[in-house]
PDB file of N, CA and C in Angstrom:
ATOM      1  N   LEU A   1    -171.400   7.571 -55.133  1.00  0.00           N
ATOM      2  CA  LEU A   1    -171.184   5.977 -55.459  1.00  0.00           C
ATOM      3  C   LEU A   1    -172.681   5.841 -54.963  1.00  0.00           C
ATOM      4  N   SER A   2    -173.372   5.977 -53.993  1.00  0.00           N
ATOM      5  CA  SER A   2    -174.485   5.192 -53.377  1.00  0.00           C
ATOM      6  C   SER A   2    -175.718   6.191 -53.723  1.00  0.00           C
ATOM      7  N   GLY A   3    -175.585   7.237 -53.665  1.00  0.00           N
ATOM      8  CA  GLY A   3    -176.672   8.496 -53.073  1.00  0.00           C
ATOM      9  C   GLY A   3    -176.860   8.932 -52.176  1.00  0.00           C
ATOM     10  N   GLY A   4    -176.120   8.381 -51.329  1.00  0.00           N
ATOM     11  CA  GLY A   4    -176.372   9.062 -50.321  1.00  0.00           C
ATOM     12  C   GLY A   4    -174.818   9.629 -49.471  1.00  0.00           C
ATOM     13  N   SER A   5    -174.942  10.101 -48.143  1.00  0.00           N
ATOM     14  CA  SER A   5    -173.386  11.128 -47.783  1.00  0.00           C
ATOM     15  C   SER A   5    -173.178   9.933 -46.653  1.00  0.00           C
ATOM     16  N   PRO A   6    -171.913  10.044 -46.942  1.00  0.00           N
ATOM     17  CA  PRO A   6    -171.479   9.219 -45.375  1.00  0.00           C
ATOM     18  C   PRO A   6    -171.612  10.063 -44.302  1.00  0.00           C
ATOM     19  N   PHE A   7    -171.247  11.396 -44.267  1.00  0.00           N
ATOM     20  CA  PHE A   7    -171.536  12.722 -43.403  1.00  0.00           C
ATOM     21  C   PHE A   7    -173.077  12.920 -42.513  1.00  0.00           C
ATOM     22  N   LEU A   8    -174.074  12.080 -43.574  1.00  0.00           N
ATOM     23  CA  LEU A   8    -175.150  12.504 -42.998  1.00  0.00           C
ATOM     24  C   LEU A   8    -175.407  12.334 -41.794  1.00  0.00           C
ATOM     25  N   GLY A   9    -176.153  13.324 -40.726  1.00  0.00           N
ATOM     26  CA  GLY A   9    -176.685  13.227 -39.372  1.00  0.00           C
ATOM     27  C   GLY A   9    -177.934  13.311 -39.247  1.00  0.00           C
ATOM     28  N   GLU A  10    -178.455  13.409 -38.020  1.00  0.00           N
ATOM     29  CA  GLU A  10    -180.191  13.729 -38.266  1.00  0.00           C
ATOM     30  C   GLU A  10    -180.586  15.264 -38.409  1.00  0.00           C
ATOM     31  N   THR A  11    -179.718  16.012 -38.313  1.00  0.00           N
ATOM     32  CA  THR A  11    -180.057  17.428 -38.779  1.00  0.00           C
ATOM     33  C   THR A  11    -178.901  18.020 -39.401  1.00  0.00           C
ATOM     34  N   ARG A  12    -179.339  18.853 -40.381  1.00  0.00           N
ATOM     35  CA  ARG A  12    -178.445  19.720 -41.019  1.00  0.00           C
ATOM     36  C   ARG A  12    -176.931  19.988 -40.179  1.00  0.00           C
ATOM     37  N   GLU A  13    -177.448  20.461 -39.411  1.00  0.00           N
ATOM     38  CA  GLU A  13    -176.285  21.139 -37.945  1.00  0.00           C
ATOM     39  C   GLU A  13    -175.515  19.773 -37.625  1.00  0.00           C
ATOM     40  N   GLU A  14    -176.085  18.472 -37.335  1.00  0.00           N
ATOM     41  CA  GLU A  14    -175.409  17.707 -37.177  1.00  0.00           C
ATOM     42  C   GLU A  14    -174.535  16.788 -38.635  1.00  0.00           C
ATOM     43  N   THR A  15    -175.307  17.288 -39.470  1.00  0.00           N
ATOM     44  CA  THR A  15    -173.890  16.587 -40.419  1.00  0.00           C
ATOM     45  C   THR A  15    -173.160  17.967 -40.858  1.00  0.00           C
ATOM     46  N   PHE A  16    -173.364  18.814 -40.973  1.00  0.00           N
ATOM     47  CA  PHE A  16    -172.319  19.848 -40.920  1.00  0.00           C
ATOM     48  C   PHE A  16    -171.118  19.614 -40.039  1.00  0.00           C
ATOM     49  N   VAL A  17    -171.255  19.195 -38.500  1.00  0.00           N
ATOM     50  CA  VAL A  17    -170.333  18.541 -37.779  1.00  0.00           C
ATOM     51  C   VAL A  17    -170.080  17.515 -38.167  1.00  0.00           C
ATOM     52  N   ASN A  18    -170.447  16.684 -38.479  1.00  0.00           N
ATOM     53  CA  ASN A  18    -169.755  15.355 -39.186  1.00  0.00           C
ATOM     54  C   ASN A  18    -168.606  15.587 -40.391  1.00  0.00           C
ATOM     55  N   ILE A  19    -169.483  16.879 -41.229  1.00  0.00           N
ATOM     56  CA  ILE A  19    -168.370  17.110 -42.468  1.00  0.00           C
ATOM     57  C   ILE A  19    -166.871  17.830 -41.730  1.00  0.00           C
ATOM     58  N   SER A  20    -167.441  19.068 -41.029  1.00  0.00           N
ATOM     59  CA  SER A  20    -166.354  19.741 -40.194  1.00  0.00           C
ATOM     60  C   SER A  20    -165.283  18.718 -39.489  1.00  0.00           C
ATOM     61  N   ALA A  21    -165.875  17.655 -39.159  1.00  0.00           N
ATOM     62  CA  ALA A  21    -165.248  16.622 -37.732  1.00  0.00           C
ATOM     63  C   ALA A  21    -164.806  15.666 -38.803  1.00  0.00           C
ATOM     64  N   VAL A  22    -164.790  15.246 -40.217  1.00  0.00           N
ATOM     65  CA  VAL A  22    -164.843  14.240 -41.362  1.00  0.00           C
ATOM     66  C   VAL A  22    -164.891  13.170 -40.229  1.00  0.00           C
ATOM     67  N   ASN A  23    -166.016  13.046 -40.007  1.00  0.00           N
ATOM     68  CA  ASN A  23    -167.157  11.651 -39.020  1.00  0.00           C
ATOM     69  C   ASN A  23    -167.442  11.478 -40.134  1.00  0.00           C
ATOM     70  N   TYR A  24    -167.167  10.046 -40.787  1.00  0.00           N
ATOM     71  CA  TYR A  24    -168.130   9.647 -41.972  1.00  0.00           C
ATOM     72  C   TYR A  24    -168.409   8.101 -41.359  1.00  0.00           C
ATOM     73  N   HIS A  25    -169.418   7.687 -41.933  1.00  0.00           N
ATOM     74  CA  HIS A  25    -170.221   6.330 -41.721  1.00  0.00           C
ATOM     75  C   HIS A  25    -170.646   5.890 -43.258  1.00  0.00           C
ATOM     76  N   PHE A  26    -170.123   4.605 -43.714  1.00  0.00           N
ATOM     77  CA  PHE A  26    -170.519   3.809 -44.602  1.00  0.00           C
ATOM     78  C   PHE A  26    -171.792   3.088 -44.357  1.00  0.00           C
ATOM     79  N   SER A  27    -173.111   3.889 -43.978  1.00  0.00           N
ATOM     80  CA  SER A  27    -174.306   2.781 -43.635  1.00  0.00           C
ATOM     81  C   SER A  27    -174.967   2.136 -44.807  1.00  0.00           C
ATOM     82  N   GLU A  28    -175.235   1.031 -44.287  1.00  0.00           N
ATOM     83  CA  GLU A  28    -175.751   0.115 -45.150  1.00  0.00           C
ATOM     84  C   GLU A  28    -176.798   0.432 -45.913  1.00  0.00           C
ATOM     85  N   ARG A  29    -177.600   1.403 -45.393  1.00  0.00           N
ATOM     86  CA  ARG A  29    -178.931   1.909 -46.264  1.00  0.00           C
ATOM     87  C   ARG A  29    -178.396   1.910 -47.485  1.00  0.00           C
ATOM     88  N   TYR A  30    -177.335   2.891 -47.281  1.00  0.00           N
ATOM     89  CA  TYR A  30    -177.058   3.549 -48.301  1.00  0.00           C
ATOM     90  C   TYR A  30    -175.532   2.612 -49.439  1.00  0.00           C
ATOM     91  N   PHE A  31    -175.135   2.230 -48.838  1.00  0.00           N
ATOM     92  CA  PHE A  31    -173.904   1.462 -49.504  1.00  0.00           C
ATOM     93  C   PHE A  31    -173.550   0.463 -49.007  1.00  0.00           C
ATOM     94  N   GLU A  32    -174.644  -0.265 -49.184  1.00  0.00           N
ATOM     95  CA  GLU A  32    -174.637  -1.802 -49.046  1.00  0.00           C
ATOM     96  C   GLU A  32    -174.225  -2.272 -50.481  1.00  0.00           C
ATOM     97  N   HIS A  33    -174.328  -1.259 -51.187  1.00  0.00           N
ATOM     98  CA  HIS A  33    -173.914  -2.352 -53.383  1.00  0.00           C
ATOM     99  C   HIS A  33    -172.024  -1.381 -53.455  1.00  0.00           C
ATOM    100  N   VAL A  34    -171.732  -1.014 -52.543  1.00  0.00           N
ATOM    101  CA  VAL A  34    -170.406  -0.060 -52.379  1.00  0.00           C
ATOM    102  C   VAL A  34    -169.489  -1.482 -52.558  1.00  0.00           C
ATOM    103  N   SER A  35    -168.493  -1.237 -53.453  1.00  0.00           N
ATOM    104  CA  SER A  35    -167.317  -2.372 -52.728  1.00  0.00           C
ATOM    105  C   SER A  35    -166.282  -1.686 -51.853  1.00  0.00           C
ATOM    106  N   PRO A  36    -165.948  -3.162 -51.145  1.00  0.00           N
ATOM    107  CA  PRO A  36    -165.184  -2.476 -49.904  1.00  0.00           C
ATOM    108  C   PRO A  36    -163.966  -1.839 -50.463  1.00  0.00           C
ATOM    109  N   TYR A  37    -163.585  -2.222 -52.053  1.00  0.00           N
ATOM    110  CA  TYR A  37    -162.075  -1.464 -52.442  1.00  0.00           C
ATOM    111  C   TYR A  37    -162.617   0.253 -52.432  1.00  0.00           C
ATOM    112  N   ALA A  38    -164.163   0.597 -53.062  1.00  0.00           N
ATOM    113  CA  ALA A  38    -165.013   1.641 -52.905  1.00  0.00           C
ATOM    114  C   ALA A  38    -164.767   2.380 -51.821  1.00  0.00           C
ATOM    115  N   LYS A  39    -165.139   1.950 -50.746  1.00  0.00           N
ATOM    116  CA  LYS A  39    -165.151   2.857 -49.545  1.00  0.00           C
ATOM    117  C   LYS A  39    -163.863   2.785 -48.847  1.00  0.00           C
ATOM    118  N   ASP A  40    -162.815   1.902 -49.429  1.00  0.00           N
ATOM    119  CA  ASP A  40    -161.210   2.176 -48.947  1.00  0.00           C
ATOM    120  C   ASP A  40    -160.635   2.807 -49.691  1.00  0.00           C
ATOM    121  N   PHE A  41    -160.826   3.218 -50.614  1.00  0.00           N
ATOM    122  CA  PHE A  41    -160.823   4.744 -51.139  1.00  0.00           C
ATOM    123  C   PHE A  41    -161.272   5.580 -50.848  1.00  0.00           C
ATOM    124  N   ILE A  42    -162.501   6.011 -50.863  1.00  0.00           N
ATOM    125  CA  ILE A  42    -163.035   7.294 -50.514  1.00  0.00           C
ATOM    126  C   ILE A  42    -162.393   7.233 -49.159  1.00  0.00           C
ATOM    127  N   GLY A  43    -162.600   6.573 -48.093  1.00  0.00           N
ATOM    128  CA  GLY A  43    -161.686   7.177 -46.988  1.00  0.00           C
ATOM    129  C   GLY A  43    -160.355   7.732 -46.971  1.00  0.00           C
ATOM    130  N   ARG A  44    -159.598   6.672 -47.942  1.00  0.00           N
ATOM    131  CA  ARG A  44    -158.119   7.152 -47.540  1.00  0.00           C
ATOM    132  C   ARG A  44    -158.532   8.724 -48.202  1.00  0.00           C
ATOM    133  N   LEU A  45    -159.281   9.125 -49.077  1.00  0.00           N
ATOM    134  CA  LEU A  45    -159.466  10.915 -49.251  1.00  0.00           C
ATOM    135  C   LEU A  45    -159.760  11.535 -48.189  1.00  0.00           C
ATOM    136  N   PHE A  46    -160.940  10.837 -47.461  1.00  0.00           N
ATOM    137  CA  PHE A  46    -161.311  11.612 -45.939  1.00  0.00           C
ATOM    138  C   PHE A  46    -160.252  11.752 -44.992  1.00  0.00           C
ATOM    139  N   VAL A  47    -159.449  12.386 -45.220  1.00  0.00           N
ATOM    140  CA  VAL A  47    -158.078  12.775 -43.909  1.00  0.00           C
ATOM    141  C   VAL A  47    -158.293  14.197 -44.312  1.00  0.00           C
ATOM    142  N   ARG A  48    -158.128  14.886 -42.747  1.00  0.00           N
ATOM    143  CA  ARG A  48    -158.416  16.337 -42.359  1.00  0.00           C
ATOM    144  C   ARG A  48    -156.897  16.954 -42.565  1.00  0.00           C
ATOM    145  N   ASP A  49    -156.357  15.764 -42.294  1.00  0.00           N
ATOM    146  CA  ASP A  49    -154.198  16.177 -42.442  1.00  0.00           C
ATOM    147  C   ASP A  49    -153.328  15.769 -44.114  1.00  0.00           C
ATOM    148  N   GLN A  50    -153.959  16.641 -45.173  1.00  0.00           N
ATOM    149  CA  GLN A  50    -153.375  16.539 -45.828  1.00  0.00           C
ATOM    150  C   GLN A  50    -152.128  15.624 -46.497  1.00  0.00           C
ATOM    151  N   ARG A  51    -151.000  15.872 -45.620  1.00  0.00           N
ATOM    152  CA  ARG A  51    -149.893  14.729 -45.123  1.00  0.00           C
ATOM    153  C   ARG A  51    -150.092  13.483 -44.807  1.00  0.00           C
ATOM    154  N   LYS A  52    -151.184  12.773 -44.260  1.00  0.00           N
ATOM    155  CA  LYS A  52    -151.681  11.908 -43.918  1.00  0.00           C
ATOM    156  C   LYS A  52    -152.298  11.241 -45.605  1.00  0.00           C
ATOM    157  N   ARG A  53    -153.310  12.149 -46.458  1.00  0.00           N
ATOM    158  CA  ARG A  53    -154.321  11.542 -47.367  1.00  0.00           C
ATOM    159  C   ARG A  53    -153.623  11.168 -48.281  1.00  0.00           C
ATOM    160  N   ALA A  54    -154.090   9.919 -48.751  1.00  0.00           N
ATOM    161  CA  ALA A  54    -153.664   9.755 -49.875  1.00  0.00           C
ATOM    162  C   ALA A  54    -153.131  10.477 -51.185  1.00  0.00           C
ATOM    163  N   THR A  55    -152.154   9.912 -51.780  1.00  0.00           N
ATOM    164  CA  THR A  55    -151.648  11.162 -52.711  1.00  0.00           C
ATOM    165  C   THR A  55    -152.189  10.908 -54.314  1.00  0.00           C
ATOM    166  N   VAL A  56    -151.766  11.573 -55.087  1.00  0.00           N
ATOM    167  CA  VAL A  56    -152.452  11.559 -56.442  1.00  0.00           C
ATOM    168  C   VAL A  56    -151.862   9.650 -56.958  1.00  0.00           C
ATOM    169  N   ASP A  57    -150.466   9.559 -56.739  1.00  0.00           N
ATOM    170  CA  ASP A  57    -149.640   8.259 -57.156  1.00  0.00           C
ATOM    171  C   ASP A  57    -150.206   7.068 -56.685  1.00  0.00           C
ATOM    172  N   GLU A  58    -150.681   7.099 -55.072  1.00  0.00           N
ATOM    173  CA  GLU A  58    -151.748   6.235 -54.437  1.00  0.00           C
ATOM    174  C   GLU A  58    -152.804   5.820 -54.417  1.00  0.00           C
ATOM    175  N   CYS A  59    -153.913   7.055 -54.889  1.00  0.00           N
ATOM    176  CA  CYS A  59    -155.230   7.079 -55.397  1.00  0.00           C
ATOM    177  C   CYS A  59    -154.662   6.157 -56.876  1.00  0.00           C
ATOM    178  N   LEU A  60    -153.817   6.607 -57.491  1.00  0.00           N
ATOM    179  CA  LEU A  60    -153.861   5.607 -59.260  1.00  0.00           C
ATOM    180  C   LEU A  60    -153.350   4.031 -58.929  1.00  0.00           C
ATOM    181  N   ARG A  61    -152.651   3.520 -57.900  1.00  0.00           N
ATOM    182  CA  ARG A  61    -152.239   2.898 -57.816  1.00  0.00           C
ATOM    183  C   ARG A  61    -152.760   2.036 -56.798  1.00  0.00           C
ATOM    184  N   HIS A  62    -154.588   2.281 -56.183  1.00  0.00           N
ATOM    185  CA  HIS A  62    -155.311   2.100 -55.469  1.00  0.00           C
ATOM    186  C   HIS A  62    -156.147   0.603 -55.966  1.00  0.00           C
ATOM    187  N   PRO A  63    -156.201  -0.349 -55.255  1.00  0.00           N
ATOM    188  CA  PRO A  63    -157.224  -1.848 -55.923  1.00  0.00           C
ATOM    189  C   PRO A  63    -158.579  -1.123 -57.031  1.00  0.00           C
ATOM    190  N   TRP A  64    -158.921  -0.011 -56.329  1.00  0.00           N
ATOM    191  CA  TRP A  64    -160.404   0.584 -56.841  1.00  0.00           C
ATOM    192  C   TRP A  64    -160.348   1.343 -58.242  1.00  0.00           C
ATOM    193  N   THR A  65    -158.903   1.921 -58.216  1.00  0.00           N
ATOM    194  CA  THR A  65    -158.637   2.623 -59.639  1.00  0.00           C
ATOM    195  C   THR A  65    -158.037   1.830 -60.350  1.00  0.00           C
ATOM    196  N   ARG A  66    -157.596   0.989 -60.029  1.00  0.00           N
ATOM    197  CA  ARG A  66    -156.439   0.366 -60.966  1.00  0.00           C
ATOM    198  C   ARG A  66    -157.170  -0.212 -62.397  1.00  0.00           C
ATOM    199  N   GLY A  67    -158.466  -0.841 -62.096  1.00  0.00           N
ATOM    200  CA  GLY A  67    -158.705  -1.864 -63.155  1.00  0.00           C
ATOM    201  C   GLY A  67    -159.995  -0.627 -64.534  1.00  0.00           C
ATOM    202  N   LEU A  68    -159.783   0.855 -63.616  1.00  0.00           N
ATOM    203  CA  LEU A  68    -161.000   1.593 -64.254  1.00  0.00           C
ATOM    204  C   LEU A  68    -160.406   2.023 -65.360  1.00  0.00           C
ATOM    205  N   PHE A  69    -159.089   2.447 -65.576  1.00  0.00           N
ATOM    206  CA  PHE A  69    -158.962   3.235 -66.697  1.00  0.00           C
ATOM    207  C   PHE A  69    -157.323   2.607 -67.083  1.00  0.00           C
ATOM    208  N   SER A  70    -156.559   2.959 -68.026  1.00  0.00           N
ATOM    209  CA  SER A  70    -155.452   2.428 -69.143  1.00  0.00           C
ATOM    210  C   SER A  70    -154.172   3.923 -68.161  1.00  0.00           C
ATOM    211  N   GLN A  71    -153.200   3.287 -67.955  1.00  0.00           N
ATOM    212  CA  GLN A  71    -151.930   4.632 -67.675  1.00  0.00           C
ATOM    213  C   GLN A  71    -152.467   5.497 -68.843  1.00  0.00           C
ATOM    214  N   GLU A  72    -152.625   5.426 -69.932  1.00  0.00           N
ATOM    215  CA  GLU A  72    -152.896   5.850 -70.968  1.00  0.00           C
ATOM    216  C   GLU A  72    -154.248   7.499 -70.951  1.00  0.00           C
ATOM    217  N   ASP A  73    -154.977   7.221 -70.246  1.00  0.00           N
ATOM    218  CA  ASP A  73    -156.171   7.326 -69.899  1.00  0.00           C
ATOM    219  C   ASP A  73    -155.731   8.518 -69.138  1.00  0.00           C
ATOM    220  N   PHE A  74    -155.118   8.112 -67.849  1.00  0.00           N
ATOM    221  CA  PHE A  74    -154.618   9.108 -66.801  1.00  0.00           C
ATOM    222  C   PHE A  74    -154.321  10.155 -66.681  1.00  0.00           C
ATOM    223  N   LYS A  75    -153.116   9.704 -68.411  1.00  0.00           N
ATOM    224  CA  LYS A  75    -152.432  11.132 -68.496  1.00  0.00           C
ATOM    225  C   LYS A  75    -152.860  12.050 -69.432  1.00  0.00           C
ATOM    226  N   GLN A  76    -153.802  12.250 -69.317  1.00  0.00           N
ATOM    227  CA  GLN A  76    -155.017  13.362 -69.399  1.00  0.00           C
ATOM    228  C   GLN A  76    -155.550  14.112 -68.989  1.00  0.00           C
ATOM    229  N   PHE A  77    -155.395  13.547 -67.375  1.00  0.00           N
ATOM    230  CA  PHE A  77    -156.067  14.401 -66.120  1.00  0.00           C
ATOM    231  C   PHE A  77    -154.701  15.036 -65.406  1.00  0.00           C
ATOM    232  N   VAL A  78    -153.219  14.424 -65.668  1.00  0.00           N
ATOM    233  CA  VAL A  78    -152.547  14.557 -65.277  1.00  0.00           C
ATOM    234  C   VAL A  78    -152.116  15.966 -65.095  1.00  0.00           C
ATOM    235  N   VAL A  79    -151.760  16.798 -64.233  1.00  0.00           N
ATOM    236  CA  VAL A  79    -151.423  18.336 -64.285  1.00  0.00           C
ATOM    237  C   VAL A  79    -150.061  18.057 -63.657  1.00  0.00           C
ATOM    238  N   TYR A  80    -148.997  18.643 -64.265  1.00  0.00           N
ATOM    239  CA  TYR A  80    -147.721  18.777 -64.293  1.00  0.00           C
ATOM    240  C   TYR A  80    -147.404  20.272 -63.877  1.00  0.00           C
ATOM    241  N   ASP A  81    -146.400  20.413 -62.734  1.00  0.00           N
ATOM    242  CA  ASP A  81    -145.855  21.765 -62.742  1.00  0.00           C
ATOM    243  C   ASP A  81    -144.586  21.945 -63.536  1.00  0.00           C
TER     244      ASP A  81
END
């Protein structure tokens, strides 16, 4: 969305630790033009515990994704068991 990583650290090691710990920050340098809805959406996916992470249905109903595609468009991406 921005060309920058929200996990970026001062070193490669720090970046790796940030990713492993799900420690992220939407710095103004890279994310100033990214909407609050987009940041919120991404933040709901950056959750280590999958039970607390946003579900597919929640993602499809999120304000950031709601206007991107029609329900018909989404059907081609949904996998049913």
